[in-house]
Amino acid sequence: MAGPLDVDVLESLIRFAHSTIRSGCAELVLQLNALTDFPTRLFSDLHRLDQTARLHRCHLQLLGLDEAVATALCTSRAAVTSPTDHRR
């Protein structure tokens, strides 16, 4: 996945992942390090996806999520403290 994750893309991703898990796969890898925006629902959907994976004995890997969140936070902080910010 790359770029902003809107609600429609998130729904498609989660639906595809659930379908893949239910089909009997042994491992599902989601590479998320290029995400630039995170809908609040992402984290609850990933939690439910993890529960489904465990139930079906499918190893779920979320690659790059920590880095994506850190990058988004750094970008947000830089925007808030930019030189044109007169709130200081």
PDB file of N, CA and C in Angstrom:
ATOM      1  N   MET A   1       0.844  -1.183   0.000  1.00  0.00           N
ATOM      2  CA  MET A   1       0.000   0.000   0.000  1.00  0.00           C
ATOM      3  C   MET A   1       0.885   1.240   0.000  1.00  0.00           C
ATOM      4  N   ALA A   2       0.426   2.262  -0.674  1.00  0.00           N
ATOM      5  CA  ALA A   2       1.170   3.515  -0.718  1.00  0.00           C
ATOM      6  C   ALA A   2       0.198   4.680  -0.769  1.00  0.00           C
ATOM      7  N   GLY A   3       0.623   5.806  -0.179  1.00  0.00           N
ATOM      8  CA  GLY A   3      -0.181   7.020  -0.227  1.00  0.00           C
ATOM      9  C   GLY A   3      -1.272   7.050   0.813  1.00  0.00           C
ATOM     10  N   PRO A   4      -2.215   7.981   0.649  1.00  0.00           N
ATOM     11  CA  PRO A   4      -3.299   8.101   1.621  1.00  0.00           C
ATOM     12  C   PRO A   4      -4.219   6.886   1.552  1.00  0.00           C
ATOM     13  N   LEU A   5      -4.697   6.487   2.693  1.00  0.00           N
ATOM     14  CA  LEU A   5      -5.573   5.320   2.797  1.00  0.00           C
ATOM     15  C   LEU A   5      -6.978   5.821   3.109  1.00  0.00           C
ATOM     16  N   ASP A   6      -7.787   6.015   2.063  1.00  0.00           N
ATOM     17  CA  ASP A   6      -9.149   6.490   2.302  1.00  0.00           C
ATOM     18  C   ASP A   6     -10.053   5.310   2.687  1.00  0.00           C
ATOM     19  N   VAL A   7     -11.274   5.607   3.032  1.00  0.00           N
ATOM     20  CA  VAL A   7     -12.200   4.597   3.542  1.00  0.00           C
ATOM     21  C   VAL A   7     -12.463   3.494   2.517  1.00  0.00           C
ATOM     22  N   ASP A   8     -12.631   3.842   1.247  1.00  0.00           N
ATOM     23  CA  ASP A   8     -12.896   2.835   0.217  1.00  0.00           C
ATOM     24  C   ASP A   8     -11.717   1.889   0.025  1.00  0.00           C
ATOM     25  N   VAL A   9     -10.513   2.448  -0.011  1.00  0.00           N
ATOM     26  CA  VAL A   9      -9.320   1.617  -0.171  1.00  0.00           C
ATOM     27  C   VAL A   9      -9.141   0.728   1.059  1.00  0.00           C
ATOM     28  N   LEU A  10      -9.367   1.281   2.242  1.00  0.00           N
ATOM     29  CA  LEU A  10      -9.254   0.502   3.475  1.00  0.00           C
ATOM     30  C   LEU A  10     -10.234  -0.662   3.464  1.00  0.00           C
ATOM     31  N   GLU A  11     -11.481  -0.399   3.091  1.00  0.00           N
ATOM     32  CA  GLU A  11     -12.476  -1.471   3.034  1.00  0.00           C
ATOM     33  C   GLU A  11     -12.047  -2.566   2.066  1.00  0.00           C
ATOM     34  N   SER A  12     -11.550  -2.191   0.909  1.00  0.00           N
ATOM     35  CA  SER A  12     -11.092  -3.173  -0.075  1.00  0.00           C
ATOM     36  C   SER A  12      -9.921  -3.989   0.461  1.00  0.00           C
ATOM     37  N   LEU A  13      -8.974  -3.311   1.073  1.00  0.00           N
ATOM     38  CA  LEU A  13      -7.803  -3.987   1.637  1.00  0.00           C
ATOM     39  C   LEU A  13      -8.214  -5.003   2.704  1.00  0.00           C
ATOM     40  N   ILE A  14      -9.053  -4.589   3.626  1.00  0.00           N
ATOM     41  CA  ILE A  14      -9.462  -5.466   4.728  1.00  0.00           C
ATOM     42  C   ILE A  14     -10.303  -6.626   4.211  1.00  0.00           C
ATOM     43  N   ARG A  15     -11.195  -6.357   3.276  1.00  0.00           N
ATOM     44  CA  ARG A  15     -12.008  -7.424   2.677  1.00  0.00           C
ATOM     45  C   ARG A  15     -11.118  -8.448   1.967  1.00  0.00           C
ATOM     46  N   PHE A  16     -10.155  -7.971   1.183  1.00  0.00           N
ATOM     47  CA  PHE A  16      -9.218  -8.855   0.493  1.00  0.00           C
ATOM     48  C   PHE A  16      -8.413  -9.681   1.496  1.00  0.00           C
ATOM     49  N   ALA A  17      -7.936  -9.033   2.553  1.00  0.00           N
ATOM     50  CA  ALA A  17      -7.129  -9.738   3.558  1.00  0.00           C
ATOM     51  C   ALA A  17      -7.949 -10.822   4.258  1.00  0.00           C
ATOM     52  N   HIS A  18      -9.177 -10.498   4.653  1.00  0.00           N
ATOM     53  CA  HIS A  18     -10.037 -11.498   5.302  1.00  0.00           C
ATOM     54  C   HIS A  18     -10.292 -12.671   4.361  1.00  0.00           C
ATOM     55  N   SER A  19     -10.568 -12.389   3.111  1.00  0.00           N
ATOM     56  CA  SER A  19     -10.823 -13.433   2.121  1.00  0.00           C
ATOM     57  C   SER A  19      -9.600 -14.332   1.955  1.00  0.00           C
ATOM     58  N   THR A  20      -8.434 -13.717   1.896  1.00  0.00           N
ATOM     59  CA  THR A  20      -7.190 -14.469   1.747  1.00  0.00           C
ATOM     60  C   THR A  20      -6.960 -15.381   2.951  1.00  0.00           C
ATOM     61  N   ILE A  21      -7.191 -14.857   4.137  1.00  0.00           N
ATOM     62  CA  ILE A  21      -7.016 -15.650   5.356  1.00  0.00           C
ATOM     63  C   ILE A  21      -7.988 -16.829   5.368  1.00  0.00           C
ATOM     64  N   ARG A  22      -9.249 -16.547   5.070  1.00  0.00           N
ATOM     65  CA  ARG A  22     -10.262 -17.604   5.087  1.00  0.00           C
ATOM     66  C   ARG A  22     -10.017 -18.673   4.025  1.00  0.00           C
ATOM     67  N   SER A  23      -9.270 -18.329   2.981  1.00  0.00           N
ATOM     68  CA  SER A  23      -8.993 -19.308   1.927  1.00  0.00           C
ATOM     69  C   SER A  23      -7.961 -20.345   2.363  1.00  0.00           C
ATOM     70  N   GLY A  24      -7.354 -20.120   3.531  1.00  0.00           N
ATOM     71  CA  GLY A  24      -6.436 -21.110   4.075  1.00  0.00           C
ATOM     72  C   GLY A  24      -4.960 -20.789   3.928  1.00  0.00           C
ATOM     73  N   CYS A  25      -4.624 -19.559   3.649  1.00  0.00           N
ATOM     74  CA  CYS A  25      -3.205 -19.231   3.498  1.00  0.00           C
ATOM     75  C   CYS A  25      -2.488 -19.363   4.848  1.00  0.00           C
ATOM     76  N   ALA A  26      -1.218 -19.716   4.791  1.00  0.00           N
ATOM     77  CA  ALA A  26      -0.424 -19.891   6.009  1.00  0.00           C
ATOM     78  C   ALA A  26       0.166 -18.572   6.500  1.00  0.00           C
ATOM     79  N   GLU A  27       0.331 -17.611   5.578  1.00  0.00           N
ATOM     80  CA  GLU A  27       0.942 -16.339   5.938  1.00  0.00           C
ATOM     81  C   GLU A  27       0.397 -15.234   5.037  1.00  0.00           C
ATOM     82  N   LEU A  28       0.112 -14.082   5.652  1.00  0.00           N
ATOM     83  CA  LEU A  28      -0.329 -12.907   4.904  1.00  0.00           C
ATOM     84  C   LEU A  28       0.559 -11.742   5.310  1.00  0.00           C
ATOM     85  N   VAL A  29       1.170 -11.108   4.327  1.00  0.00           N
ATOM     86  CA  VAL A  29       2.074  -9.988   4.584  1.00  0.00           C
ATOM     87  C   VAL A  29       1.469  -8.732   3.972  1.00  0.00           C
ATOM     88  N   LEU A  30       1.270  -7.714   4.799  1.00  0.00           N
ATOM     89  CA  LEU A  30       0.806  -6.410   4.323  1.00  0.00           C
ATOM     90  C   LEU A  30       1.944  -5.415   4.521  1.00  0.00           C
ATOM     91  N   GLN A  31       2.396  -4.823   3.449  1.00  0.00           N
ATOM     92  CA  GLN A  31       3.471  -3.840   3.523  1.00  0.00           C
ATOM     93  C   GLN A  31       2.831  -2.456   3.582  1.00  0.00           C
ATOM     94  N   LEU A  32       3.018  -1.785   4.706  1.00  0.00           N
ATOM     95  CA  LEU A  32       2.308  -0.536   4.974  1.00  0.00           C
ATOM     96  C   LEU A  32       3.226   0.664   5.130  1.00  0.00           C
ATOM     97  N   ASN A  33       4.515   0.502   4.885  1.00  0.00           N
ATOM     98  CA  ASN A  33       5.455   1.581   5.190  1.00  0.00           C
ATOM     99  C   ASN A  33       5.305   2.814   4.315  1.00  0.00           C
ATOM    100  N   ALA A  34       4.606   2.740   3.203  1.00  0.00           N
ATOM    101  CA  ALA A  34       4.463   3.908   2.327  1.00  0.00           C
ATOM    102  C   ALA A  34       3.158   4.664   2.569  1.00  0.00           C
ATOM    103  N   LEU A  35       2.415   4.281   3.595  1.00  0.00           N
ATOM    104  CA  LEU A  35       1.173   4.994   3.892  1.00  0.00           C
ATOM    105  C   LEU A  35       1.487   6.399   4.372  1.00  0.00           C
ATOM    106  N   THR A  36       0.657   7.350   3.978  1.00  0.00           N
ATOM    107  CA  THR A  36       0.879   8.736   4.395  1.00  0.00           C
ATOM    108  C   THR A  36      -0.279   9.278   5.229  1.00  0.00           C
ATOM    109  N   ASP A  37      -1.364   8.542   5.298  1.00  0.00           N
ATOM    110  CA  ASP A  37      -2.532   9.003   6.041  1.00  0.00           C
ATOM    111  C   ASP A  37      -3.205   7.779   6.640  1.00  0.00           C
ATOM    112  N   PHE A  38      -3.723   7.913   7.847  1.00  0.00           N
ATOM    113  CA  PHE A  38      -4.292   6.777   8.550  1.00  0.00           C
ATOM    114  C   PHE A  38      -5.686   7.105   9.056  1.00  0.00           C
ATOM    115  N   PRO A  39      -6.726   6.523   8.446  1.00  0.00           N
ATOM    116  CA  PRO A  39      -8.051   6.713   9.027  1.00  0.00           C
ATOM    117  C   PRO A  39      -8.088   6.027  10.395  1.00  0.00           C
ATOM    118  N   THR A  40      -8.811   6.586  11.326  1.00  0.00           N
ATOM    119  CA  THR A  40      -8.906   6.032  12.674  1.00  0.00           C
ATOM    120  C   THR A  40      -9.298   4.567  12.639  1.00  0.00           C
ATOM    121  N   ARG A  41     -10.157   4.230  11.727  1.00  0.00           N
ATOM    122  CA  ARG A  41     -10.664   2.870  11.625  1.00  0.00           C
ATOM    123  C   ARG A  41      -9.582   1.847  11.278  1.00  0.00           C
ATOM    124  N   LEU A  42      -8.475   2.283  10.702  1.00  0.00           N
ATOM    125  CA  LEU A  42      -7.407   1.368  10.304  1.00  0.00           C
ATOM    126  C   LEU A  42      -6.984   0.475  11.460  1.00  0.00           C
ATOM    127  N   PHE A  43      -6.791   1.058  12.624  1.00  0.00           N
ATOM    128  CA  PHE A  43      -6.239   0.298  13.733  1.00  0.00           C
ATOM    129  C   PHE A  43      -7.227  -0.724  14.285  1.00  0.00           C
ATOM    130  N   SER A  44      -8.497  -0.393  14.344  1.00  0.00           N
ATOM    131  CA  SER A  44      -9.488  -1.379  14.793  1.00  0.00           C
ATOM    132  C   SER A  44      -9.650  -2.477  13.745  1.00  0.00           C
ATOM    133  N   ASP A  45      -9.595  -2.122  12.463  1.00  0.00           N
ATOM    134  CA  ASP A  45      -9.689  -3.132  11.401  1.00  0.00           C
ATOM    135  C   ASP A  45      -8.481  -4.070  11.438  1.00  0.00           C
ATOM    136  N   LEU A  46      -7.295  -3.535  11.671  1.00  0.00           N
ATOM    137  CA  LEU A  46      -6.108  -4.382  11.759  1.00  0.00           C
ATOM    138  C   LEU A  46      -6.173  -5.300  12.974  1.00  0.00           C
ATOM    139  N   HIS A  47      -6.736  -4.803  14.049  1.00  0.00           N
ATOM    140  CA  HIS A  47      -6.899  -5.632  15.260  1.00  0.00           C
ATOM    141  C   HIS A  47      -7.832  -6.810  14.970  1.00  0.00           C
ATOM    142  N   ARG A  48      -8.973  -6.535  14.326  1.00  0.00           N
ATOM    143  CA  ARG A  48      -9.902  -7.613  13.970  1.00  0.00           C
ATOM    144  C   ARG A  48      -9.279  -8.574  12.958  1.00  0.00           C
ATOM    145  N   LEU A  49      -8.503  -8.039  12.034  1.00  0.00           N
ATOM    146  CA  LEU A  49      -7.823  -8.881  11.051  1.00  0.00           C
ATOM    147  C   LEU A  49      -6.847  -9.823  11.758  1.00  0.00           C
ATOM    148  N   ASP A  50      -6.134  -9.318  12.750  1.00  0.00           N
ATOM    149  CA  ASP A  50      -5.209 -10.143  13.526  1.00  0.00           C
ATOM    150  C   ASP A  50      -5.958 -11.271  14.236  1.00  0.00           C
ATOM    151  N   GLN A  51      -7.114 -10.962  14.825  1.00  0.00           N
ATOM    152  CA  GLN A  51      -7.906 -11.989  15.500  1.00  0.00           C
ATOM    153  C   GLN A  51      -8.346 -13.074  14.513  1.00  0.00           C
ATOM    154  N   THR A  52      -8.779 -12.666  13.330  1.00  0.00           N
ATOM    155  CA  THR A  52      -9.193 -13.629  12.303  1.00  0.00           C
ATOM    156  C   THR A  52      -8.010 -14.495  11.875  1.00  0.00           C
ATOM    157  N   ALA A  53      -6.852 -13.864  11.684  1.00  0.00           N
ATOM    158  CA  ALA A  53      -5.654 -14.608  11.275  1.00  0.00           C
ATOM    159  C   ALA A  53      -5.290 -15.656  12.329  1.00  0.00           C
ATOM    160  N   ARG A  54      -5.348 -15.274  13.587  1.00  0.00           N
ATOM    161  CA  ARG A  54      -5.027 -16.230  14.662  1.00  0.00           C
ATOM    162  C   ARG A  54      -6.013 -17.393  14.667  1.00  0.00           C
ATOM    163  N   LEU A  55      -7.275 -17.080  14.497  1.00  0.00           N
ATOM    164  CA  LEU A  55      -8.314 -18.101  14.485  1.00  0.00           C
ATOM    165  C   LEU A  55      -8.070 -19.117  13.367  1.00  0.00           C
ATOM    166  N   HIS A  56      -7.580 -18.641  12.230  1.00  0.00           N
ATOM    167  CA  HIS A  56      -7.351 -19.501  11.066  1.00  0.00           C
ATOM    168  C   HIS A  56      -5.898 -19.970  10.963  1.00  0.00           C
ATOM    169  N   ARG A  57      -5.129 -19.735  12.016  1.00  0.00           N
ATOM    170  CA  ARG A  57      -3.716 -20.137  12.062  1.00  0.00           C
ATOM    171  C   ARG A  57      -2.916 -19.587  10.869  1.00  0.00           C
ATOM    172  N   CYS A  58      -3.170 -18.358  10.568  1.00  0.00           N
ATOM    173  CA  CYS A  58      -2.469 -17.663   9.489  1.00  0.00           C
ATOM    174  C   CYS A  58      -1.547 -16.624  10.129  1.00  0.00           C
ATOM    175  N   HIS A  59      -0.282 -16.671   9.782  1.00  0.00           N
ATOM    176  CA  HIS A  59       0.683 -15.712  10.317  1.00  0.00           C
ATOM    177  C   HIS A  59       0.503 -14.378   9.592  1.00  0.00           C
ATOM    178  N   LEU A  60       0.120 -13.332  10.334  1.00  0.00           N
ATOM    179  CA  LEU A  60      -0.098 -12.002   9.756  1.00  0.00           C
ATOM    180  C   LEU A  60       1.095 -11.117  10.068  1.00  0.00           C
ATOM    181  N   GLN A  61       1.681 -10.547   9.032  1.00  0.00           N
ATOM    182  CA  GLN A  61       2.791  -9.616   9.199  1.00  0.00           C
ATOM    183  C   GLN A  61       2.380  -8.248   8.668  1.00  0.00           C
ATOM    184  N   LEU A  62       2.610  -7.228   9.474  1.00  0.00           N
ATOM    185  CA  LEU A  62       2.334  -5.847   9.080  1.00  0.00           C
ATOM    186  C   LEU A  62       3.683  -5.140   8.959  1.00  0.00           C
ATOM    187  N   LEU A  63       4.256  -5.201   7.785  1.00  0.00           N
ATOM    188  CA  LEU A  63       5.582  -4.624   7.573  1.00  0.00           C
ATOM    189  C   LEU A  63       5.496  -3.116   7.398  1.00  0.00           C
ATOM    190  N   GLY A  64       6.363  -2.414   8.115  1.00  0.00           N
ATOM    191  CA  GLY A  64       6.507  -0.985   7.920  1.00  0.00           C
ATOM    192  C   GLY A  64       5.496  -0.103   8.621  1.00  0.00           C
ATOM    193  N   LEU A  65       4.599  -0.675   9.420  1.00  0.00           N
ATOM    194  CA  LEU A  65       3.581   0.152  10.064  1.00  0.00           C
ATOM    195  C   LEU A  65       4.201   1.140  11.047  1.00  0.00           C
ATOM    196  N   ASP A  66       5.165   0.687  11.846  1.00  0.00           N
ATOM    197  CA  ASP A  66       5.821   1.588  12.798  1.00  0.00           C
ATOM    198  C   ASP A  66       6.485   2.763  12.074  1.00  0.00           C
ATOM    199  N   GLU A  67       7.170   2.454  10.976  1.00  0.00           N
ATOM    200  CA  GLU A  67       7.857   3.501  10.222  1.00  0.00           C
ATOM    201  C   GLU A  67       6.868   4.473   9.583  1.00  0.00           C
ATOM    202  N   ALA A  68       5.768   3.940   9.066  1.00  0.00           N
ATOM    203  CA  ALA A  68       4.766   4.801   8.436  1.00  0.00           C
ATOM    204  C   ALA A  68       4.148   5.759   9.443  1.00  0.00           C
ATOM    205  N   VAL A  69       3.836   5.244  10.634  1.00  0.00           N
ATOM    206  CA  VAL A  69       3.259   6.096  11.674  1.00  0.00           C
ATOM    207  C   VAL A  69       4.278   7.150  12.106  1.00  0.00           C
ATOM    208  N   ALA A  70       5.520   6.737  12.308  1.00  0.00           N
ATOM    209  CA  ALA A  70       6.567   7.686  12.705  1.00  0.00           C
ATOM    210  C   ALA A  70       6.759   8.779  11.662  1.00  0.00           C
ATOM    211  N   THR A  71       6.749   8.404  10.386  1.00  0.00           N
ATOM    212  CA  THR A  71       6.901   9.379   9.306  1.00  0.00           C
ATOM    213  C   THR A  71       5.731  10.356   9.297  1.00  0.00           C
ATOM    214  N   ALA A  72       4.523   9.826   9.461  1.00  0.00           N
ATOM    215  CA  ALA A  72       3.342  10.696   9.487  1.00  0.00           C
ATOM    216  C   ALA A  72       3.409  11.664  10.666  1.00  0.00           C
ATOM    217  N   LEU A  73       3.857  11.186  11.811  1.00  0.00           N
ATOM    218  CA  LEU A  73       3.965  12.054  12.988  1.00  0.00           C
ATOM    219  C   LEU A  73       5.027  13.126  12.789  1.00  0.00           C
ATOM    220  N   CYS A  74       6.156  12.752  12.233  1.00  0.00           N
ATOM    221  CA  CYS A  74       7.217  13.734  11.983  1.00  0.00           C
ATOM    222  C   CYS A  74       6.758  14.782  10.986  1.00  0.00           C
ATOM    223  N   THR A  75       6.072  14.366   9.948  1.00  0.00           N
ATOM    224  CA  THR A  75       5.547  15.295   8.948  1.00  0.00           C
ATOM    225  C   THR A  75       4.541  16.241   9.589  1.00  0.00           C
ATOM    226  N   SER A  76       3.682  15.708  10.444  1.00  0.00           N
ATOM    227  CA  SER A  76       2.681  16.539  11.119  1.00  0.00           C
ATOM    228  C   SER A  76       3.349  17.537  12.041  1.00  0.00           C
ATOM    229  N   ARG A  77       4.343  17.088  12.793  1.00  0.00           N
ATOM    230  CA  ARG A  77       5.038  18.001  13.707  1.00  0.00           C
ATOM    231  C   ARG A  77       5.757  19.096  12.941  1.00  0.00           C
ATOM    232  N   ALA A  78       6.365  18.735  11.808  1.00  0.00           N
ATOM    233  CA  ALA A  78       7.081  19.734  11.007  1.00  0.00           C
ATOM    234  C   ALA A  78       6.111  20.779  10.476  1.00  0.00           C
ATOM    235  N   ALA A  79       4.927  20.361  10.085  1.00  0.00           N
ATOM    236  CA  ALA A  79       3.928  21.306   9.577  1.00  0.00           C
ATOM    237  C   ALA A  79       3.449  22.233  10.683  1.00  0.00           C
ATOM    238  N   VAL A  80       3.322  21.704  11.897  1.00  0.00           N
ATOM    239  CA  VAL A  80       2.831  22.506  13.019  1.00  0.00           C
ATOM    240  C   VAL A  80       3.876  23.520  13.462  1.00  0.00           C
ATOM    241  N   THR A  81       5.154  23.170  13.351  1.00  0.00           N
ATOM    242  CA  THR A  81       6.214  24.063  13.827  1.00  0.00           C
ATOM    243  C   THR A  81       6.972  24.738  12.684  1.00  0.00           C
ATOM    244  N   SER A  82       6.351  24.847  11.538  1.00  0.00           N
ATOM    245  CA  SER A  82       7.035  25.466  10.398  1.00  0.00           C
ATOM    246  C   SER A  82       7.288  26.937  10.669  1.00  0.00           C
ATOM    247  N   PRO A  83       8.257  27.519   9.978  1.00  0.00           N
ATOM    248  CA  PRO A  83       8.588  28.932  10.192  1.00  0.00           C
ATOM    249  C   PRO A  83       7.442  29.890   9.943  1.00  0.00           C
ATOM    250  N   THR A  84       6.464  29.482   9.163  1.00  0.00           N
ATOM    251  CA  THR A  84       5.324  30.362   8.902  1.00  0.00           C
ATOM    252  C   THR A  84       4.240  30.224   9.974  1.00  0.00           C
ATOM    253  N   ASP A  85       4.477  29.394  10.948  1.00  0.00           N
ATOM    254  CA  ASP A  85       3.518  29.194  12.024  1.00  0.00           C
ATOM    255  C   ASP A  85       3.685  30.317  13.048  1.00  0.00           C
ATOM    256  N   HIS A  86       2.686  31.153  13.202  1.00  0.00           N
ATOM    257  CA  HIS A  86       2.771  32.315  14.077  1.00  0.00           C
ATOM    258  C   HIS A  86       2.157  32.071  15.444  1.00  0.00           C
ATOM    259  N   ARG A  87       1.903  30.809  15.784  1.00  0.00           N
ATOM    260  CA  ARG A  87       1.269  30.502  17.070  1.00  0.00           C
ATOM    261  C   ARG A  87       2.284  30.367  18.199  1.00  0.00           C
ATOM    262  N   ARG A  88       3.548  30.467  17.946  1.00  0.00           N
ATOM    263  CA  ARG A  88       4.568  30.250  18.980  1.00  0.00           C
ATOM    264  C   ARG A  88       4.566  31.308  20.021  1.00  0.00           C
TER     265      ARG A  88
END
